[in-house]
C-alpha atoms as a PDB file:
ATOM      1  CA  MET A   1       0.000   0.000   0.000  1.00  0.00           C
ATOM      2  CA  LYS A   2       1.439   3.338  -1.082  1.00  0.00           C
ATOM      3  CA  ILE A   3       0.762   6.274   1.265  1.00  0.00           C
ATOM      4  CA  ILE A   4       1.069   9.894   0.114  1.00  0.00           C
ATOM      5  CA  LYS A   5       1.134  12.451   2.930  1.00  0.00           C
ATOM      6  CA  LEU A   6       0.267  16.082   2.264  1.00  0.00           C
ATOM      7  CA  ASN A   7       0.263  19.163   4.484  1.00  0.00           C
ATOM      8  CA  ALA A   8      -2.878  20.684   2.975  1.00  0.00           C
ATOM      9  CA  ILE A   9      -5.163  19.973   0.016  1.00  0.00           C
ATOM     10  CA  ASP A  10      -8.620  21.032  -1.130  1.00  0.00           C
ATOM     11  CA  SER A  11      -9.913  17.443  -1.299  1.00  0.00           C
ATOM     12  CA  THR A  12      -8.040  14.155  -1.047  1.00  0.00           C
ATOM     13  CA  ASN A  13     -10.623  12.496  -3.308  1.00  0.00           C
ATOM     14  CA  SER A  14     -10.172  15.141  -6.008  1.00  0.00           C
ATOM     15  CA  TYR A  15      -6.400  14.856  -5.688  1.00  0.00           C
ATOM     16  CA  LEU A  16      -6.442  11.070  -6.188  1.00  0.00           C
ATOM     17  CA  ILE A  17      -8.856  11.243  -9.126  1.00  0.00           C
ATOM     18  CA  LYS A  18      -6.710  13.872 -10.888  1.00  0.00           C
ATOM     19  CA  LEU A  19      -3.537  11.904 -10.152  1.00  0.00           C
ATOM     20  CA  GLY A  20      -5.124   8.787 -11.611  1.00  0.00           C
ATOM     21  CA  LYS A  21      -5.725  10.618 -14.883  1.00  0.00           C
ATOM     22  CA  LYS A  22      -2.035  11.508 -15.131  1.00  0.00           C
ATOM     23  CA  GLU A  23      -0.469   8.195 -14.146  1.00  0.00           C
ATOM     24  CA  ARG A  24      -1.319   4.588 -13.352  1.00  0.00           C
ATOM     25  CA  LEU A  25      -1.803   4.487  -9.586  1.00  0.00           C
ATOM     26  CA  ILE A  26      -0.262   1.800  -7.428  1.00  0.00           C
ATOM     27  CA  ASN A  27      -2.982  -0.537  -6.184  1.00  0.00           C
ATOM     28  CA  PRO A  28      -3.864   0.416  -3.465  1.00  0.00           C
ATOM     29  CA  THR A  29      -2.876   4.050  -2.862  1.00  0.00           C
ATOM     30  CA  VAL A  30      -3.786   6.215   0.131  1.00  0.00           C
ATOM     31  CA  VAL A  31      -3.607  10.022   0.249  1.00  0.00           C
ATOM     32  CA  VAL A  32      -3.796  11.636   3.683  1.00  0.00           C
ATOM     33  CA  SER A  33      -3.737  15.350   4.428  1.00  0.00           C
ATOM     34  CA  GLU A  34      -3.120  17.180   7.705  1.00  0.00           C
ATOM     35  CA  ALA A  35      -5.570  19.863   6.549  1.00  0.00           C
ATOM     36  CA  GLN A  36      -8.377  19.399   4.021  1.00  0.00           C
ATOM     37  CA  LEU A  37      -9.652  22.793   2.908  1.00  0.00           C
ATOM     38  CA  LYS A  38     -12.672  21.783   0.841  1.00  0.00           C
ATOM     39  CA  GLY A  39     -13.568  18.273   1.907  1.00  0.00           C
ATOM     40  CA  ARG A  40     -16.563  16.901   0.040  1.00  0.00           C
ATOM     41  CA  GLY A  41     -19.458  14.926   1.463  1.00  0.00           C
ATOM     42  CA  GLN A  42     -22.629  13.338   0.106  1.00  0.00           C
ATOM     43  CA  LEU A  43     -24.899  15.412  -2.161  1.00  0.00           C
ATOM     44  CA  GLY A  44     -22.490  18.330  -2.440  1.00  0.00           C
ATOM     45  CA  THR A  45     -22.133  18.868   1.313  1.00  0.00           C
ATOM     46  CA  THR A  46     -18.794  19.727   2.896  1.00  0.00           C
ATOM     47  CA  TRP A  47     -16.847  17.839   5.551  1.00  0.00           C
ATOM     48  CA  GLN A  48     -15.426  20.038   8.298  1.00  0.00           C
ATOM     49  CA  SER A  49     -12.101  18.962   9.751  1.00  0.00           C
ATOM     50  CA  LYS A  50      -9.507  20.321  12.167  1.00  0.00           C
ATOM     51  CA  PRO A  51      -5.776  19.914  11.448  1.00  0.00           C
ATOM     52  CA  MET A  52      -4.061  17.388  13.723  1.00  0.00           C
ATOM     53  CA  GLN A  53      -7.397  16.507  15.354  1.00  0.00           C
ATOM     54  CA  SER A  54      -9.336  15.043  12.417  1.00  0.00           C
ATOM     55  CA  LEU A  55      -8.297  12.280  10.050  1.00  0.00           C
ATOM     56  CA  THR A  56      -9.012  13.020   6.376  1.00  0.00           C
ATOM     57  CA  PHE A  57      -7.799  10.614   3.714  1.00  0.00           C
ATOM     58  CA  SER A  58      -8.740   8.866   0.493  1.00  0.00           C
ATOM     59  CA  LEU A  59      -8.053   5.335  -0.659  1.00  0.00           C
ATOM     60  CA  PHE A  60      -7.749   4.121  -4.259  1.00  0.00           C
ATOM     61  CA  ARG A  61      -8.439   0.490  -5.080  1.00  0.00           C
ATOM     62  CA  ARG A  62      -8.563  -1.203  -8.482  1.00  0.00           C
ATOM     63  CA  PHE A  63     -10.967  -4.080  -9.273  1.00  0.00           C
ATOM     64  CA  GLU A  64     -11.144  -6.975 -11.703  1.00  0.00           C
ATOM     65  CA  SER A  65     -14.505  -8.153 -13.032  1.00  0.00           C
ATOM     66  CA  VAL A  66     -16.940  -6.590 -10.536  1.00  0.00           C
ATOM     67  CA  PRO A  67     -20.311  -6.004 -12.271  1.00  0.00           C
ATOM     68  CA  VAL A  68     -21.784  -2.517 -11.917  1.00  0.00           C
ATOM     69  CA  LEU A  69     -24.939  -4.282 -10.727  1.00  0.00           C
ATOM     70  CA  HIS A  70     -23.170  -4.749  -7.378  1.00  0.00           C
ATOM     71  CA  LEU A  71     -22.107  -1.127  -6.915  1.00  0.00           C
ATOM     72  CA  SER A  72     -23.792  -0.969  -3.508  1.00  0.00           C
ATOM     73  CA  SER A  73     -21.512  -3.730  -2.200  1.00  0.00           C
ATOM     74  CA  ILE A  74     -18.630  -1.247  -2.143  1.00  0.00           C
ATOM     75  CA  THR A  75     -20.661   1.003   0.175  1.00  0.00           C
ATOM     76  CA  PHE A  76     -21.422  -1.996   2.387  1.00  0.00           C
ATOM     77  CA  ALA A  77     -17.781  -3.109   2.489  1.00  0.00           C
ATOM     78  CA  VAL A  78     -16.311   0.309   3.254  1.00  0.00           C
ATOM     79  CA  SER A  79     -18.874   1.061   5.970  1.00  0.00           C
ATOM     80  CA  ILE A  80     -18.274  -2.330   7.596  1.00  0.00           C
ATOM     81  CA  GLY A  81     -14.507  -1.815   7.480  1.00  0.00           C
ATOM     82  CA  VAL A  82     -14.698   1.535   9.279  1.00  0.00           C
ATOM     83  CA  TYR A  83     -17.242   0.162  11.760  1.00  0.00           C
ATOM     84  CA  LYS A  84     -15.119  -2.883  12.630  1.00  0.00           C
ATOM     85  CA  THR A  85     -11.999  -0.790  13.187  1.00  0.00           C
ATOM     86  CA  LEU A  86     -13.691   1.688  15.502  1.00  0.00           C
ATOM     87  CA  ASN A  87     -15.402  -1.169  17.314  1.00  0.00           C
ATOM     88  CA  LYS A  88     -12.007  -2.805  17.983  1.00  0.00           C
ATOM     89  CA  MET A  89     -10.827   0.544  19.336  1.00  0.00           C
ATOM     90  CA  LEU A  90     -13.702   0.354  21.824  1.00  0.00           C
ATOM     91  CA  VAL A  91     -15.726   3.264  20.463  1.00  0.00           C
ATOM     92  CA  PRO A  92     -19.156   2.626  22.048  1.00  0.00           C
ATOM     93  CA  GLN A  93     -22.679   2.543  20.637  1.00  0.00           C
ATOM     94  CA  LEU A  94     -21.572   2.291  16.998  1.00  0.00           C
ATOM     95  CA  ARG A  95     -24.003   2.056  14.098  1.00  0.00           C
ATOM     96  CA  ILE A  96     -24.025   2.756  10.361  1.00  0.00           C
ATOM     97  CA  LYS A  97     -26.507   5.436   9.365  1.00  0.00           C
ATOM     98  CA  TRP A  98     -27.643   4.736   5.817  1.00  0.00           C
ATOM     99  CA  PRO A  99     -25.928   4.935   3.468  1.00  0.00           C
ATOM    100  CA  ASN A 100     -22.496   5.303   5.078  1.00  0.00           C
ATOM    101  CA  ASP A 101     -22.239   7.628   8.073  1.00  0.00           C
ATOM    102  CA  ILE A 102     -20.703   6.122  11.200  1.00  0.00           C
ATOM    103  CA  MET A 103     -22.548   7.033  14.388  1.00  0.00           C
ATOM    104  CA  SER A 104     -21.621   6.808  18.068  1.00  0.00           C
ATOM    105  CA  TYR A 105     -24.292   7.533  20.676  1.00  0.00           C
ATOM    106  CA  SER A 106     -26.531   8.635  17.753  1.00  0.00           C
ATOM    107  CA  LYS A 107     -24.031  11.356  16.749  1.00  0.00           C
ATOM    108  CA  LYS A 108     -21.945  11.469  13.582  1.00  0.00           C
ATOM    109  CA  LEU A 109     -18.379  10.324  14.088  1.00  0.00           C
ATOM    110  CA  ALA A 110     -17.249   9.615  10.532  1.00  0.00           C
ATOM    111  CA  GLY A 111     -18.342  10.305   6.967  1.00  0.00           C
ATOM    112  CA  ILE A 112     -17.618   8.459   3.741  1.00  0.00           C
ATOM    113  CA  LEU A 113     -17.670   9.616   0.107  1.00  0.00           C
ATOM    114  CA  ILE A 114     -17.270   6.917  -2.550  1.00  0.00           C
ATOM    115  CA  GLU A 115     -16.585   7.737  -6.199  1.00  0.00           C
ATOM    116  CA  ASN A 116     -16.514   4.711  -8.491  1.00  0.00           C
ATOM    117  CA  GLN A 117     -15.078   4.487 -11.988  1.00  0.00           C
ATOM    118  CA  VAL A 118     -17.130   2.306 -14.318  1.00  0.00           C
ATOM    119  CA  LYS A 119     -16.214   0.969 -17.770  1.00  0.00           C
ATOM    120  CA  GLN A 120     -18.279  -1.369 -19.964  1.00  0.00           C
ATOM    121  CA  ARG A 121     -20.680  -2.165 -17.108  1.00  0.00           C
ATOM    122  CA  GLU A 122     -17.893  -3.155 -14.735  1.00  0.00           C
ATOM    123  CA  ILE A 123     -16.439  -1.295 -11.746  1.00  0.00           C
ATOM    124  CA  VAL A 124     -12.779  -0.797 -12.613  1.00  0.00           C
ATOM    125  CA  SER A 125     -11.726   1.223  -9.558  1.00  0.00           C
ATOM    126  CA  THR A 126     -12.953   3.249  -6.632  1.00  0.00           C
ATOM    127  CA  VAL A 127     -11.790   6.308  -4.694  1.00  0.00           C
ATOM    128  CA  ILE A 128     -13.014   6.299  -1.099  1.00  0.00           C
ATOM    129  CA  GLY A 129     -12.873   9.475   0.952  1.00  0.00           C
ATOM    130  CA  ILE A 130     -12.965   9.070   4.731  1.00  0.00           C
ATOM    131  CA  GLY A 131     -13.345  11.754   7.385  1.00  0.00           C
ATOM    132  CA  ILE A 132     -13.087  10.677  11.026  1.00  0.00           C
ATOM    133  CA  ASN A 133     -13.344  12.976  14.009  1.00  0.00           C
ATOM    134  CA  ILE A 134     -10.531  11.811  16.280  1.00  0.00           C
ATOM    135  CA  ASN A 135      -9.472  14.189  19.055  1.00  0.00           C
ATOM    136  CA  GLU A 136     -11.891  17.123  18.814  1.00  0.00           C
ATOM    137  CA  GLU A 137     -13.263  18.298  22.134  1.00  0.00           C
ATOM    138  CA  MET A 138     -16.037  20.497  20.757  1.00  0.00           C
ATOM    139  CA  PHE A 139     -17.890  21.257  17.515  1.00  0.00           C
ATOM    140  CA  GLU A 140     -19.173  24.728  16.649  1.00  0.00           C
ATOM    141  CA  ASN A 141     -22.702  24.746  15.205  1.00  0.00           C
ATOM    142  CA  LEU A 142     -22.634  20.956  14.802  1.00  0.00           C
ATOM    143  CA  PRO A 143     -24.788  19.620  17.648  1.00  0.00           C
ATOM    144  CA  HIS A 144     -25.040  16.147  16.104  1.00  0.00           C
ATOM    145  CA  ALA A 145     -21.283  15.585  15.701  1.00  0.00           C
ATOM    146  CA  THR A 146     -18.942  13.684  17.993  1.00  0.00           C
ATOM    147  CA  SER A 147     -15.370  12.387  18.056  1.00  0.00           C
ATOM    148  CA  MET A 148     -13.498   9.308  19.214  1.00  0.00           C
ATOM    149  CA  LEU A 149     -12.203  11.365  22.144  1.00  0.00           C
ATOM    150  CA  LEU A 150     -15.686  12.436  23.216  1.00  0.00           C
ATOM    151  CA  SER A 151     -17.072   8.912  22.856  1.00  0.00           C
ATOM    152  CA  THR A 152     -14.236   7.033  24.550  1.00  0.00           C
ATOM    153  CA  GLY A 153     -12.780   9.639  26.919  1.00  0.00           C
ATOM    154  CA  ARG A 154      -9.253   9.185  25.570  1.00  0.00           C
ATOM    155  CA  LYS A 155      -7.099  10.530  22.749  1.00  0.00           C
ATOM    156  CA  HIS A 156      -6.024   8.440  19.764  1.00  0.00           C
ATOM    157  CA  LEU A 157      -3.062   8.494  17.376  1.00  0.00           C
ATOM    158  CA  LEU A 158      -4.132   9.594  13.900  1.00  0.00           C
ATOM    159  CA  ASP A 159      -1.581   7.376  12.124  1.00  0.00           C
ATOM    160  CA  GLU A 160      -2.715   4.342  14.079  1.00  0.00           C
ATOM    161  CA  VAL A 161      -6.351   4.925  13.089  1.00  0.00           C
ATOM    162  CA  LEU A 162      -5.329   5.607   9.458  1.00  0.00           C
ATOM    163  CA  HIS A 163      -3.500   2.302   9.050  1.00  0.00           C
ATOM    164  CA  ALA A 164      -6.106   0.248  10.892  1.00  0.00           C
ATOM    165  CA  VAL A 165      -9.048   1.697   8.937  1.00  0.00           C
ATOM    166  CA  SER A 166      -7.262   1.404   5.584  1.00  0.00           C
ATOM    167  CA  GLU A 167      -6.346  -2.237   6.163  1.00  0.00           C
ATOM    168  CA  ALA A 168      -9.869  -3.096   7.335  1.00  0.00           C
ATOM    169  CA  ILE A 169     -11.463  -1.456   4.283  1.00  0.00           C
ATOM    170  CA  LEU A 170      -9.111  -3.281   1.920  1.00  0.00           C
ATOM    171  CA  LYS A 171      -9.950  -6.586   3.620  1.00  0.00           C
ATOM    172  CA  GLU A 172     -13.687  -5.978   3.185  1.00  0.00           C
ATOM    173  CA  LEU A 173     -13.192  -4.923  -0.452  1.00  0.00           C
ATOM    174  CA  GLU A 174     -11.611  -8.306  -1.119  1.00  0.00           C
ATOM    175  CA  HIS A 175     -15.048  -9.757  -0.367  1.00  0.00           C
ATOM    176  CA  VAL A 176     -16.479  -7.580  -3.153  1.00  0.00           C
ATOM    177  CA  GLU A 177     -13.959  -9.004  -5.611  1.00  0.00           C
ATOM    178  CA  GLN A 178     -14.732 -12.528  -4.356  1.00  0.00           C
ATOM    179  CA  GLY A 179     -18.427 -12.018  -5.130  1.00  0.00           C
ATOM    180  CA  ARG A 180     -19.598 -12.241  -1.500  1.00  0.00           C
ATOM    181  CA  PHE A 181     -22.283  -9.633  -2.098  1.00  0.00           C
ATOM    182  CA  GLN A 182     -25.016 -11.219   0.026  1.00  0.00           C
ATOM    183  CA  ASP A 183     -22.647 -11.687   2.975  1.00  0.00           C
ATOM    184  CA  LEU A 184     -21.743  -7.986   2.886  1.00  0.00           C
ATOM    185  CA  LYS A 185     -25.386  -6.922   2.632  1.00  0.00           C
ATOM    186  CA  PHE A 186     -26.378  -9.155   5.560  1.00  0.00           C
ATOM    187  CA  GLU A 187     -23.561  -7.855   7.782  1.00  0.00           C
ATOM    188  CA  TYR A 188     -24.305  -4.233   6.847  1.00  0.00           C
ATOM    189  CA  GLU A 189     -28.005  -4.605   7.677  1.00  0.00           C
ATOM    190  CA  LYS A 190     -27.233  -6.022  11.129  1.00  0.00           C
ATOM    191  CA  ILE A 191     -25.599  -2.759  12.208  1.00  0.00           C
ATOM    192  CA  LEU A 192     -27.917  -0.220  10.576  1.00  0.00           C
ATOM    193  CA  PHE A 193     -28.743   2.845  12.653  1.00  0.00           C
ATOM    194  CA  ARG A 194     -32.305   2.781  14.075  1.00  0.00           C
ATOM    195  CA  LYS A 195     -33.223  -0.481  12.359  1.00  0.00           C
ATOM    196  CA  ASN A 196     -36.685  -1.672  13.443  1.00  0.00           C
ATOM    197  CA  ILE A 197     -37.153   1.454  15.591  1.00  0.00           C
ATOM    198  CA  VAL A 198     -40.038   3.814  14.835  1.00  0.00           C
ATOM    199  CA  SER A 199     -38.554   6.995  13.339  1.00  0.00           C
ATOM    200  CA  VAL A 200     -39.819  10.111  11.598  1.00  0.00           C
ATOM    201  CA  PHE A 201     -38.938  10.625   7.934  1.00  0.00           C
ATOM    202  CA  GLU A 202     -39.616  13.299   5.328  1.00  0.00           C
ATOM    203  CA  ASP A 203     -39.931  12.633   1.592  1.00  0.00           C
ATOM    204  CA  THR A 204     -39.133  14.956  -1.320  1.00  0.00           C
ATOM    205  CA  GLN A 205     -42.653  16.453  -1.216  1.00  0.00           C
ATOM    206  CA  GLY A 206     -42.188  17.482   2.406  1.00  0.00           C
ATOM    207  CA  ASN A 207     -44.539  14.781   3.687  1.00  0.00           C
ATOM    208  CA  ARG A 208     -43.615  13.465   7.125  1.00  0.00           C
ATOM    209  CA  PHE A 209     -44.393   9.933   8.203  1.00  0.00           C
ATOM    210  CA  ASN A 210     -43.510   7.365  10.822  1.00  0.00           C
ATOM    211  CA  GLY A 211     -41.726   4.235   9.731  1.00  0.00           C
ATOM    212  CA  LYS A 212     -39.230   1.529  10.582  1.00  0.00           C
ATOM    213  CA  ILE A 213     -36.019   0.826   8.691  1.00  0.00           C
ATOM    214  CA  LYS A 214     -36.127  -2.840   7.647  1.00  0.00           C
ATOM    215  CA  GLY A 215     -32.878  -3.035   5.672  1.00  0.00           C
ATOM    216  CA  VAL A 216     -31.620  -2.229   2.186  1.00  0.00           C
ATOM    217  CA  SER A 217     -32.406  -3.501  -1.298  1.00  0.00           C
ATOM    218  CA  GLU A 218     -29.896  -5.274  -3.544  1.00  0.00           C
ATOM    219  CA  ALA A 219     -29.211  -1.861  -5.122  1.00  0.00           C
ATOM    220  CA  GLY A 220     -28.578  -0.270  -1.728  1.00  0.00           C
ATOM    221  CA  GLU A 221     -31.889   1.589  -1.457  1.00  0.00           C
ATOM    222  CA  LEU A 222     -33.275   2.121   2.039  1.00  0.00           C
ATOM    223  CA  LEU A 223     -36.278  -0.056   2.888  1.00  0.00           C
ATOM    224  CA  ILE A 224     -38.780   1.601   5.231  1.00  0.00           C
ATOM    225  CA  GLU A 225     -41.984   0.006   6.500  1.00  0.00           C
ATOM    226  CA  ASN A 226     -44.681   2.668   6.904  1.00  0.00           C
ATOM    227  CA  GLU A 227     -47.651   2.661   9.288  1.00  0.00           C
ATOM    228  CA  ASP A 228     -49.683   0.666   6.751  1.00  0.00           C
ATOM    229  CA  GLU A 229     -47.019  -2.063   6.951  1.00  0.00           C
ATOM    230  CA  LYS A 230     -46.029  -1.385   3.350  1.00  0.00           C
ATOM    231  CA  VAL A 231     -42.298  -1.512   2.624  1.00  0.00           C
ATOM    232  CA  LEU A 232     -41.113   1.444   0.532  1.00  0.00           C
ATOM    233  CA  GLU A 233     -37.782   1.886  -1.266  1.00  0.00           C
ATOM    234  CA  PHE A 234     -35.881   5.184  -1.157  1.00  0.00           C
ATOM    235  CA  GLN A 235     -32.752   6.422  -2.889  1.00  0.00           C
ATOM    236  CA  LEU A 236     -30.352   8.884  -1.260  1.00  0.00           C
ATOM    237  CA  LYS A 237     -32.031  12.091  -2.456  1.00  0.00           C
ATOM    238  CA  GLU A 238     -35.549  10.852  -1.753  1.00  0.00           C
ATOM    239  CA  ILE A 239     -35.702  10.613   2.047  1.00  0.00           C
ATOM    240  CA  LYS A 240     -34.501  12.495   5.114  1.00  0.00           C
ATOM    241  CA  TYR A 241     -34.259  11.402   8.746  1.00  0.00           C
ATOM    242  CA  LEU A 242     -36.040  13.660  11.232  1.00  0.00           C
ATOM    243  CA  LEU A 243     -35.952  11.223  14.203  1.00  0.00           C
END
């Protein structure tokens, strides 16, 4: 595994993608930055990080013969890899909030942005951006954020978390290449945030309703059972948690 360390960069994902267009990247390659100035999250959101307190990095991994039909398995694998690492580090009350936020005590601890490269209906490579709050003691205007320090009561070494998370993700991604798609989906569903708990959701029309998360579809859509006991499928832009 090749590791590129930078002092500051707009986005580690953008850096890796641009680098991959200029040269053939070593498989796998990790880019980590002490300061990420314009970190990107899901749906155009930004990821806030603090130098020397947050861990911001991206991982490149090449694939052989993974059908685009199983795109969601990469999300499952990456989320499970981060979850397992933090669980081993004794971060309590961990869950995966669909599709790939890592929660501790119902607060966001880590975020994931996955950008896949597809050619002729096969996934040829992926760039995975990870942001983990490590040693922050407070968050301004982010009441639903937390850190490993706040959750565990102790500080952690950024390099130690970087290597452990990277290795765990790569191990889970091997399962994608091995075709263990159902195993990944089953494991992911077991640790979904608020699964089978009545929650409040809002759809794209602004309609609010009570429902229970039942799992995910083969394509990675969220499955919610409404009050009429009908299971509905939602893509990322179609539903919002209100809790």
